[in-house]
Amino acid sequence: QVQLVESGGGLVQPGGSLTLSCAASGRNVGSYAIGWFRQAPGKERKFVAAINWSGAETHYADSVKDRFTISRDDAKNTVYLRMNNLSPEDTAVYYCNADLRFAGYYGPDPSDFPFDYWGQGTQVNVSL
């Protein structure tokens, strides 16, 4: 069993930056790939970024590539999502998840993959 807790959300102006954290606890958390998804009001949850168990491989949605960076600190059992140059279109609830299968973050729609564990989400609002 793995527990995930997101933090770091809040209100930021367009063009600003924010770093989200996903703190993991439980058995063998270092073995899990961690991903970030987001869900805007009235829309489906969409894939944002993912990092494999070792941190050697990352994968991003085209919409955030070159603006967002995912990283992990296994000493703290925490995965970070650094978000730069934010726009109102990035407003959403951001969720992290965990799974042993990194391949699940690839494919036409990773949102369809049955990931093992999810956090409760953290709200990000980008507005003047």
Foldseek 3Di string as FASTA:
>chain_A
DKAWAKDWADEAAAQAKTKMKIAMDDPPLLLKKKFKWWDDPPGDIAGAKIAGSVRPDIDGDPVQPPFWDWGDDVVRNMIMIIGGRDDQVPWTWMKMAIANDPCCSDDDTSVPDPTDGIYPTDTHGYHD
